Amino acid sequence: VLLFMAILLYLGIQWSALPSEIPIHFDETGKADGWGGKGF
């Protein structure tokens, strides 16, 4: 429960820094190859 609260707090702190479009899928080398909204 504390971990869930901590990650939600961290997301809240970082929310304004998140770009509107974020990488949501990565290839086998770790390079982003899919994009979506920050709500993901």
All heavy atoms as atom14 arrays in JSON, in Angstrom:
{
  "sequence": "VLLFMAILLYLGIQWSALPSEIPIHFDETGKADGWGGKGF",
  "atom14_mask": [
    [1, 1, 1, 1, 1, 1, 1, 0, 0, 0, 0, 0, 0, 0],
    [1, 1, 1, 1, 1, 1, 1, 1, 0, 0, 0, 0, 0, 0],
    [1, 1, 1, 1, 1, 1, 1, 1, 0, 0, 0, 0, 0, 0],
    [1, 1, 1, 1, 1, 1, 1, 1, 1, 1, 1, 0, 0, 0],
    [1, 1, 1, 1, 1, 1, 1, 1, 0, 0, 0, 0, 0, 0],
    [1, 1, 1, 1, 1, 0, 0, 0, 0, 0, 0, 0, 0, 0],
    [1, 1, 1, 1, 1, 1, 1, 1, 0, 0, 0, 0, 0, 0],
    [1, 1, 1, 1, 1, 1, 1, 1, 0, 0, 0, 0, 0, 0],
    [1, 1, 1, 1, 1, 1, 1, 1, 0, 0, 0, 0, 0, 0],
    [1, 1, 1, 1, 1, 1, 1, 1, 1, 1, 1, 1, 0, 0],
    [1, 1, 1, 1, 1, 1, 1, 1, 0, 0, 0, 0, 0, 0],
    [1, 1, 1, 1, 0, 0, 0, 0, 0, 0, 0, 0, 0, 0],
    [1, 1, 1, 1, 1, 1, 1, 1, 0, 0, 0, 0, 0, 0],
    [1, 1, 1, 1, 1, 1, 1, 1, 1, 0, 0, 0, 0, 0],
    [1, 1, 1, 1, 1, 1, 1, 1, 1, 1, 1, 1, 1, 1],
    [1, 1, 1, 1, 1, 1, 0, 0, 0, 0, 0, 0, 0, 0],
    [1, 1, 1, 1, 1, 0, 0, 0, 0, 0, 0, 0, 0, 0],
    [1, 1, 1, 1, 1, 1, 1, 1, 0, 0, 0, 0, 0, 0],
    [1, 1, 1, 1, 1, 1, 1, 0, 0, 0, 0, 0, 0, 0],
    [1, 1, 1, 1, 1, 1, 0, 0, 0, 0, 0, 0, 0, 0],
    [1, 1, 1, 1, 1, 1, 1, 1, 1, 0, 0, 0, 0, 0],
    [1, 1, 1, 1, 1, 1, 1, 1, 0, 0, 0, 0, 0, 0],
    [1, 1, 1, 1, 1, 1, 1, 0, 0, 0, 0, 0, 0, 0],
    [1, 1, 1, 1, 1, 1, 1, 1, 0, 0, 0, 0, 0, 0],
    [1, 1, 1, 1, 1, 1, 1, 1, 1, 1, 0, 0, 0, 0],
    [1, 1, 1, 1, 1, 1, 1, 1, 1, 1, 1, 0, 0, 0],
    [1, 1, 1, 1, 1, 1, 1, 1, 0, 0, 0, 0, 0, 0],
    [1, 1, 1, 1, 1, 1, 1, 1, 1, 0, 0, 0, 0, 0],
    [1, 1, 1, 1, 1, 1, 1, 0, 0, 0, 0, 0, 0, 0],
    [1, 1, 1, 1, 0, 0, 0, 0, 0, 0, 0, 0, 0, 0],
    [1, 1, 1, 1, 1, 1, 1, 1, 1, 0, 0, 0, 0, 0],
    [1, 1, 1, 1, 1, 0, 0, 0, 0, 0, 0, 0, 0, 0],
    [1, 1, 1, 1, 1, 1, 1, 1, 0, 0, 0, 0, 0, 0],
    [1, 1, 1, 1, 0, 0, 0, 0, 0, 0, 0, 0, 0, 0],
    [1, 1, 1, 1, 1, 1, 1, 1, 1, 1, 1, 1, 1, 1],
    [1, 1, 1, 1, 0, 0, 0, 0, 0, 0, 0, 0, 0, 0],
    [1, 1, 1, 1, 0, 0, 0, 0, 0, 0, 0, 0, 0, 0],
    [1, 1, 1, 1, 1, 1, 1, 1, 1, 0, 0, 0, 0, 0],
    [1, 1, 1, 1, 0, 0, 0, 0, 0, 0, 0, 0, 0, 0],
    [1, 1, 1, 1, 1, 1, 1, 1, 1, 1, 1, 0, 0, 0]
  ],
  "atom14_positions": [
    [[0.84, -1.2, 0.0], [0.0, 0.0, 0.0], [0.88, 1.25, 0.0], [0.62, 2.21, -0.75], [-0.98, -0.01, 1.2], [-1.64, 1.34, 1.38], [-2.02, -1.11, 1.02], [0.0, 0.0, 0.0], [0.0, 0.0, 0.0], [0.0, 0.0, 0.0], [0.0, 0.0, 0.0], [0.0, 0.0, 0.0], [0.0, 0.0, 0.0], [0.0, 0.0, 0.0]],
    [[1.92, 1.25, 0.82], [2.83, 2.4, 0.85], [3.53, 2.59, -0.49], [3.73, 3.73, -0.94], [3.86, 2.24, 1.97], [3.3, 2.32, 3.39], [4.38, 1.98, 4.42], [2.67, 3.68, 3.66], [0.0, 0.0, 0.0], [0.0, 0.0, 0.0], [0.0, 0.0, 0.0], [0.0, 0.0, 0.0], [0.0, 0.0, 0.0], [0.0, 0.0, 0.0]],
    [[3.89, 1.5, -1.15], [4.51, 1.59, -2.48], [3.55, 2.2, -3.5], [3.95, 3.03, -4.32], [4.99, 0.22, -2.95], [6.25, -0.31, -2.28], [6.46, -1.79, -2.62], [7.46, 0.51, -2.7], [0.0, 0.0, 0.0], [0.0, 0.0, 0.0], [0.0, 0.0, 0.0], [0.0, 0.0, 0.0], [0.0, 0.0, 0.0], [0.0, 0.0, 0.0]],
    [[2.29, 1.78, -3.44], [1.29, 2.36, -4.37], [1.13, 3.86, -4.11], [1.07, 4.66, -5.05], [-0.06, 1.65, -4.25], [-0.08, 0.27, -4.85], [-0.4, -0.82, -4.07], [0.24, 0.06, -6.17], [-0.4, -2.1, -4.61], [0.24, -1.21, -6.73], [-0.08, -2.3, -5.94], [0.0, 0.0, 0.0], [0.0, 0.0, 0.0], [0.0, 0.0, 0.0]],
    [[1.08, 4.22, -2.85], [0.95, 5.64, -2.52], [2.18, 6.42, -2.98], [2.06, 7.52, -3.53], [0.72, 5.81, -1.02], [-0.63, 5.31, -0.57], [-0.87, 5.21, 1.23], [-0.33, 6.78, 1.8], [0.0, 0.0, 0.0], [0.0, 0.0, 0.0], [0.0, 0.0, 0.0], [0.0, 0.0, 0.0], [0.0, 0.0, 0.0], [0.0, 0.0, 0.0]],
    [[3.36, 5.82, -2.81], [4.6, 6.49, -3.2], [4.68, 6.7, -4.7], [5.06, 7.79, -5.16], [5.81, 5.69, -2.71], [0.0, 0.0, 0.0], [0.0, 0.0, 0.0], [0.0, 0.0, 0.0], [0.0, 0.0, 0.0], [0.0, 0.0, 0.0], [0.0, 0.0, 0.0], [0.0, 0.0, 0.0], [0.0, 0.0, 0.0], [0.0, 0.0, 0.0]],
    [[4.29, 5.7, -5.49], [4.39, 5.86, -6.94], [3.35, 6.86, -7.44], [3.61, 7.62, -8.38], [4.31, 4.51, -7.7], [4.81, 4.68, -9.15], [2.92, 3.93, -7.68], [6.23, 5.08, -9.31], [0.0, 0.0, 0.0], [0.0, 0.0, 0.0], [0.0, 0.0, 0.0], [0.0, 0.0, 0.0], [0.0, 0.0, 0.0], [0.0, 0.0, 0.0]],
    [[2.18, 6.9, -6.82], [1.19, 7.9, -7.2], [1.68, 9.3, -6.84], [1.5, 10.24, -7.62], [-0.16, 7.6, -6.55], [-0.91, 6.41, -7.14], [-2.14, 6.09, -6.29], [-1.3, 6.66, -8.59], [0.0, 0.0, 0.0], [0.0, 0.0, 0.0], [0.0, 0.0, 0.0], [0.0, 0.0, 0.0], [0.0, 0.0, 0.0], [0.0, 0.0, 0.0]],
    [[2.3, 9.45, -5.69], [2.88, 10.73, -5.3], [3.99, 11.13, -6.28], [4.04, 12.28, -6.73], [3.43, 10.66, -3.87], [4.11, 11.92, -3.35], [3.11, 13.08, -3.26], [4.73, 11.65, -1.98], [0.0, 0.0, 0.0], [0.0, 0.0, 0.0], [0.0, 0.0, 0.0], [0.0, 0.0, 0.0], [0.0, 0.0, 0.0], [0.0, 0.0, 0.0]],
    [[4.85, 10.18, -6.62], [5.92, 10.46, -7.57], [5.36, 10.89, -8.93], [5.84, 11.84, -9.53], [6.83, 9.23, -7.72], [8.04, 9.48, -8.57], [9.07, 10.3, -8.12], [8.16, 8.9, -9.83], [10.18, 10.54, -8.9], [9.28, 9.14, -10.61], [10.28, 9.96, -10.14], [11.39, 10.2, -10.92], [0.0, 0.0, 0.0], [0.0, 0.0, 0.0]],
    [[4.33, 10.17, -9.38], [3.7, 10.55, -10.65], [3.11, 11.95, -10.54], [3.24, 12.76, -11.47], [2.61, 9.55, -11.05], [1.84, 9.88, -12.32], [2.77, 9.98, -13.53], [0.75, 8.84, -12.56], [0.0, 0.0, 0.0], [0.0, 0.0, 0.0], [0.0, 0.0, 0.0], [0.0, 0.0, 0.0], [0.0, 0.0, 0.0], [0.0, 0.0, 0.0]],
    [[2.47, 12.25, -9.43], [1.91, 13.59, -9.23], [2.98, 14.67, -9.28], [2.78, 15.74, -9.88], [0.0, 0.0, 0.0], [0.0, 0.0, 0.0], [0.0, 0.0, 0.0], [0.0, 0.0, 0.0], [0.0, 0.0, 0.0], [0.0, 0.0, 0.0], [0.0, 0.0, 0.0], [0.0, 0.0, 0.0], [0.0, 0.0, 0.0], [0.0, 0.0, 0.0]],
    [[4.13, 14.39, -8.69], [5.23, 15.35, -8.71], [5.78, 15.52, -10.12], [6.1, 16.64, -10.55], [6.34, 14.91, -7.73], [5.85, 15.04, -6.28], [7.63, 15.69, -7.94], [6.74, 14.34, -5.26], [0.0, 0.0, 0.0], [0.0, 0.0, 0.0], [0.0, 0.0, 0.0], [0.0, 0.0, 0.0], [0.0, 0.0, 0.0], [0.0, 0.0, 0.0]],
    [[5.86, 14.44, -10.86], [6.45, 14.47, -12.2], [5.45, 14.82, -13.3], [5.86, 15.05, -14.45], [7.1, 13.12, -12.53], [8.26, 12.75, -11.65], [9.46, 13.66, -11.89], [9.51, 14.45, -12.82], [10.44, 13.56, -11.02], [0.0, 0.0, 0.0], [0.0, 0.0, 0.0], [0.0, 0.0, 0.0], [0.0, 0.0, 0.0], [0.0, 0.0, 0.0]],
    [[4.15, 14.85, -12.99], [3.12, 15.0, -14.01], [3.37, 16.21, -14.93], [3.27, 16.08, -16.15], [1.74, 15.09, -13.36], [0.64, 15.05, -14.37], [-0.07, 16.1, -14.86], [0.15, 13.89, -15.04], [-0.99, 15.67, -15.78], [-0.87, 14.31, -15.91], [0.47, 12.54, -14.99], [-1.58, 13.43, -16.72], [-0.23, 11.66, -15.79], [-1.24, 12.11, -16.65]],
    [[3.66, 17.35, -14.36], [3.85, 18.55, -15.19], [5.11, 18.46, -16.04], [5.21, 19.11, -17.08], [3.88, 19.81, -14.33], [4.97, 19.76, -13.44], [0.0, 0.0, 0.0], [0.0, 0.0, 0.0], [0.0, 0.0, 0.0], [0.0, 0.0, 0.0], [0.0, 0.0, 0.0], [0.0, 0.0, 0.0], [0.0, 0.0, 0.0], [0.0, 0.0, 0.0]],
    [[6.08, 17.64, -15.64], [7.31, 17.48, -16.41], [7.16, 16.45, -17.53], [7.98, 16.41, -18.46], [8.46, 17.07, -15.49], [0.0, 0.0, 0.0], [0.0, 0.0, 0.0], [0.0, 0.0, 0.0], [0.0, 0.0, 0.0], [0.0, 0.0, 0.0], [0.0, 0.0, 0.0], [0.0, 0.0, 0.0], [0.0, 0.0, 0.0], [0.0, 0.0, 0.0]],
    [[6.1, 15.61, -17.45], [5.88, 14.61, -18.5], [5.51, 15.31, -19.8], [4.63, 16.17, -19.81], [4.76, 13.64, -18.12], [5.09, 12.52, -17.16], [3.79, 11.84, -16.71], [6.0, 11.5, -17.8], [0.0, 0.0, 0.0], [0.0, 0.0, 0.0], [0.0, 0.0, 0.0], [0.0, 0.0, 0.0], [0.0, 0.0, 0.0], [0.0, 0.0, 0.0]],
    [[6.15, 14.93, -20.91], [5.72, 15.5, -22.19], [4.32, 14.99, -22.53], [3.88, 13.96, -22.02], [6.77, 14.98, -23.18], [7.51, 13.91, -22.5], [7.28, 14.03, -21.03], [0.0, 0.0, 0.0], [0.0, 0.0, 0.0], [0.0, 0.0, 0.0], [0.0, 0.0, 0.0], [0.0, 0.0, 0.0], [0.0, 0.0, 0.0], [0.0, 0.0, 0.0]],
    [[3.62, 15.71, -23.39], [2.25, 15.29, -23.75], [2.27, 13.98, -24.51], [1.31, 13.22, -24.46], [1.55, 16.39, -24.55], [2.28, 16.66, -25.73], [0.0, 0.0, 0.0], [0.0, 0.0, 0.0], [0.0, 0.0, 0.0], [0.0, 0.0, 0.0], [0.0, 0.0, 0.0], [0.0, 0.0, 0.0], [0.0, 0.0, 0.0], [0.0, 0.0, 0.0]],
    [[3.35, 13.7, -25.21], [3.5, 12.43, -25.93], [4.72, 11.71, -25.36], [5.82, 12.28, -25.34], [3.66, 12.67, -27.43], [3.58, 11.41, -28.24], [3.56, 11.69, -29.73], [4.61, 12.07, -30.27], [2.5, 11.49, -30.34], [0.0, 0.0, 0.0], [0.0, 0.0, 0.0], [0.0, 0.0, 0.0], [0.0, 0.0, 0.0], [0.0, 0.0, 0.0]],
    [[4.51, 10.5, -24.89], [5.59, 9.76, -24.25], [5.8, 8.42, -24.96], [4.88, 7.89, -25.59], [5.3, 9.51, -22.75], [4.04, 8.66, -22.58], [5.2, 10.81, -21.99], [3.8, 8.19, -21.18], [0.0, 0.0, 0.0], [0.0, 0.0, 0.0], [0.0, 0.0, 0.0], [0.0, 0.0, 0.0], [0.0, 0.0, 0.0], [0.0, 0.0, 0.0]],
    [[7.01, 7.87, -24.84], [7.24, 6.54, -25.42], [6.48, 5.48, -24.62], [6.55, 5.47, -23.39], [8.75, 6.35, -25.32], [9.2, 7.31, -24.27], [8.21, 8.43, -24.23], [0.0, 0.0, 0.0], [0.0, 0.0, 0.0], [0.0, 0.0, 0.0], [0.0, 0.0, 0.0], [0.0, 0.0, 0.0], [0.0, 0.0, 0.0], [0.0, 0.0, 0.0]],
    [[5.74, 4.64, -25.33], [4.98, 3.59, -24.63], [5.39, 2.19, -25.09], [4.92, 1.2, -24.55], [3.46, 3.78, -24.78], [3.02, 3.67, -26.23], [3.01, 5.08, -24.15], [1.52, 3.6, -26.43], [0.0, 0.0, 0.0], [0.0, 0.0, 0.0], [0.0, 0.0, 0.0], [0.0, 0.0, 0.0], [0.0, 0.0, 0.0], [0.0, 0.0, 0.0]],
    [[6.24, 2.13, -26.11], [6.73, 0.82, -26.56], [8.18, 0.98, -26.99], [8.55, 2.0, -27.55], [5.89, 0.29, -27.73], [6.19, -1.14, -28.04], [7.14, -1.5, -28.97], [5.69, -2.28, -27.53], [7.2, -2.83, -29.02], [6.33, -3.32, -28.15], [0.0, 0.0, 0.0], [0.0, 0.0, 0.0], [0.0, 0.0, 0.0], [0.0, 0.0, 0.0]],
    [[8.96, -0.05, -26.7], [10.38, -0.01, -27.0], [10.78, -1.28, -27.73], [10.24, -2.35, -27.46], [11.18, 0.11, -25.69], [10.86, 1.35, -24.91], [9.75, 1.4, -24.07], [11.64, 2.47, -25.01], [9.43, 2.54, -23.35], [11.34, 3.63, -24.31], [10.23, 3.67, -23.47], [0.0, 0.0, 0.0], [0.0, 0.0, 0.0], [0.0, 0.0, 0.0]],
    [[11.72, -1.14, -28.69], [12.2, -2.33, -29.4], [13.21, -3.09, -28.54], [13.47, -2.7, -27.39], [12.78, -1.96, -30.77], [14.04, -1.09, -30.69], [14.67, -1.04, -29.62], [14.39, -0.48, -31.72], [0.0, 0.0, 0.0], [0.0, 0.0, 0.0], [0.0, 0.0, 0.0], [0.0, 0.0, 0.0], [0.0, 0.0, 0.0], [0.0, 0.0, 0.0]],
    [[13.76, -4.16, -29.09], [14.66, -5.01, -28.31], [15.95, -4.31, -27.89], [16.63, -4.75, -26.97], [14.99, -6.3, -29.08], [15.75, -6.09, -30.38], [14.87, -5.68, -31.57], [13.64, -5.68, -31.47], [15.45, -5.36, -32.6], [0.0, 0.0, 0.0], [0.0, 0.0, 0.0], [0.0, 0.0, 0.0], [0.0, 0.0, 0.0], [0.0, 0.0, 0.0]],
    [[16.29, -3.21, -28.53], [17.49, -2.46, -28.15], [17.18, -1.37, -27.12], [18.07, -0.68, -26.66], [18.16, -1.81, -29.38], [17.28, -0.83, -29.93], [18.51, -2.85, -30.42], [0.0, 0.0, 0.0], [0.0, 0.0, 0.0], [0.0, 0.0, 0.0], [0.0, 0.0, 0.0], [0.0, 0.0, 0.0], [0.0, 0.0, 0.0], [0.0, 0.0, 0.0]],
    [[15.91, -1.19, -26.79], [15.52, -0.16, -25.83], [15.12, 1.16, -26.47], [14.81, 2.12, -25.76], [0.0, 0.0, 0.0], [0.0, 0.0, 0.0], [0.0, 0.0, 0.0], [0.0, 0.0, 0.0], [0.0, 0.0, 0.0], [0.0, 0.0, 0.0], [0.0, 0.0, 0.0], [0.0, 0.0, 0.0], [0.0, 0.0, 0.0], [0.0, 0.0, 0.0]],
    [[15.11, 1.2, -27.79], [14.74, 2.43, -28.5], [13.21, 2.52, -28.61], [12.54, 1.55, -28.95], [15.37, 2.43, -29.9], [15.11, 3.71, -30.66], [15.78, 3.67, -32.01], [15.41, 4.95, -32.76], [15.8, 4.88, -34.16], [0.0, 0.0, 0.0], [0.0, 0.0, 0.0], [0.0, 0.0, 0.0], [0.0, 0.0, 0.0], [0.0, 0.0, 0.0]],
    [[12.69, 3.7, -28.3], [11.24, 3.9, -28.37], [10.76, 3.74, -29.81], [11.33, 4.3, -30.74], [10.87, 5.28, -27.85], [0.0, 0.0, 0.0], [0.0, 0.0, 0.0], [0.0, 0.0, 0.0], [0.0, 0.0, 0.0], [0.0, 0.0, 0.0], [0.0, 0.0, 0.0], [0.0, 0.0, 0.0], [0.0, 0.0, 0.0], [0.0, 0.0, 0.0]],
    [[9.7, 2.94, -29.99], [9.11, 2.78, -31.32], [7.59, 2.87, -31.3], [6.92, 2.55, -32.26], [9.57, 1.47, -31.97], [9.11, 0.23, -31.22], [8.46, 0.37, -30.16], [9.41, -0.88, -31.68], [0.0, 0.0, 0.0], [0.0, 0.0, 0.0], [0.0, 0.0, 0.0], [0.0, 0.0, 0.0], [0.0, 0.0, 0.0], [0.0, 0.0, 0.0]],
    [[7.03, 3.34, -30.18], [5.6, 3.57, -30.07], [5.36, 4.73, -29.11], [6.08, 4.88, -28.12], [0.0, 0.0, 0.0], [0.0, 0.0, 0.0], [0.0, 0.0, 0.0], [0.0, 0.0, 0.0], [0.0, 0.0, 0.0], [0.0, 0.0, 0.0], [0.0, 0.0, 0.0], [0.0, 0.0, 0.0], [0.0, 0.0, 0.0], [0.0, 0.0, 0.0]],
    [[4.36, 5.54, -29.38], [4.13, 6.75, -28.61], [2.67, 6.84, -28.2], [1.78, 6.31, -28.88], [4.53, 7.98, -29.42], [5.96, 7.92, -29.83], [6.47, 7.31, -30.95], [7.08, 8.43, -29.1], [7.84, 7.41, -30.95], [8.24, 8.1, -29.84], [7.23, 9.13, -27.91], [9.51, 8.44, -29.43], [8.49, 9.48, -27.51], [9.62, 9.14, -28.25]],
    [[2.42, 7.5, -27.07], [1.06, 7.69, -26.59], [1.0, 8.87, -25.65], [2.01, 9.53, -25.37], [0.0, 0.0, 0.0], [0.0, 0.0, 0.0], [0.0, 0.0, 0.0], [0.0, 0.0, 0.0], [0.0, 0.0, 0.0], [0.0, 0.0, 0.0], [0.0, 0.0, 0.0], [0.0, 0.0, 0.0], [0.0, 0.0, 0.0], [0.0, 0.0, 0.0]],
    [[-0.19, 9.13, -25.12], [-0.38, 10.23, -24.2], [0.19, 9.94, -22.82], [0.4, 8.79, -22.45], [0.0, 0.0, 0.0], [0.0, 0.0, 0.0], [0.0, 0.0, 0.0], [0.0, 0.0, 0.0], [0.0, 0.0, 0.0], [0.0, 0.0, 0.0], [0.0, 0.0, 0.0], [0.0, 0.0, 0.0], [0.0, 0.0, 0.0], [0.0, 0.0, 0.0]],
    [[0.44, 10.99, -22.06], [1.04, 10.81, -20.73], [0.11, 10.1, -19.75], [0.56, 9.55, -18.76], [1.56, 12.12, -20.17], [0.54, 13.19, -19.84], [1.27, 14.42, -19.33], [0.36, 15.52, -18.91], [1.13, 16.66, -18.38], [0.0, 0.0, 0.0], [0.0, 0.0, 0.0], [0.0, 0.0, 0.0], [0.0, 0.0, 0.0], [0.0, 0.0, 0.0]],
    [[-1.17, 10.08, -20.05], [-2.11, 9.33, -19.21], [-1.82, 7.84, -19.2], [-2.29, 7.12, -18.31], [0.0, 0.0, 0.0], [0.0, 0.0, 0.0], [0.0, 0.0, 0.0], [0.0, 0.0, 0.0], [0.0, 0.0, 0.0], [0.0, 0.0, 0.0], [0.0, 0.0, 0.0], [0.0, 0.0, 0.0], [0.0, 0.0, 0.0], [0.0, 0.0, 0.0]],
    [[-1.04, 7.36, -20.17], [-0.66, 5.95, -20.21], [0.09, 5.54, -18.95], [0.07, 4.37, -18.56], [0.18, 5.66, -21.46], [0.43, 4.2, -21.7], [-0.56, 3.39, -22.23], [1.66, 3.65, -21.39], [-0.33, 2.04, -22.44], [1.9, 2.3, -21.59], [0.9, 1.49, -22.13], [0.0, 0.0, 0.0], [0.0, 0.0, 0.0], [0.0, 0.0, 0.0]]
  ]
}
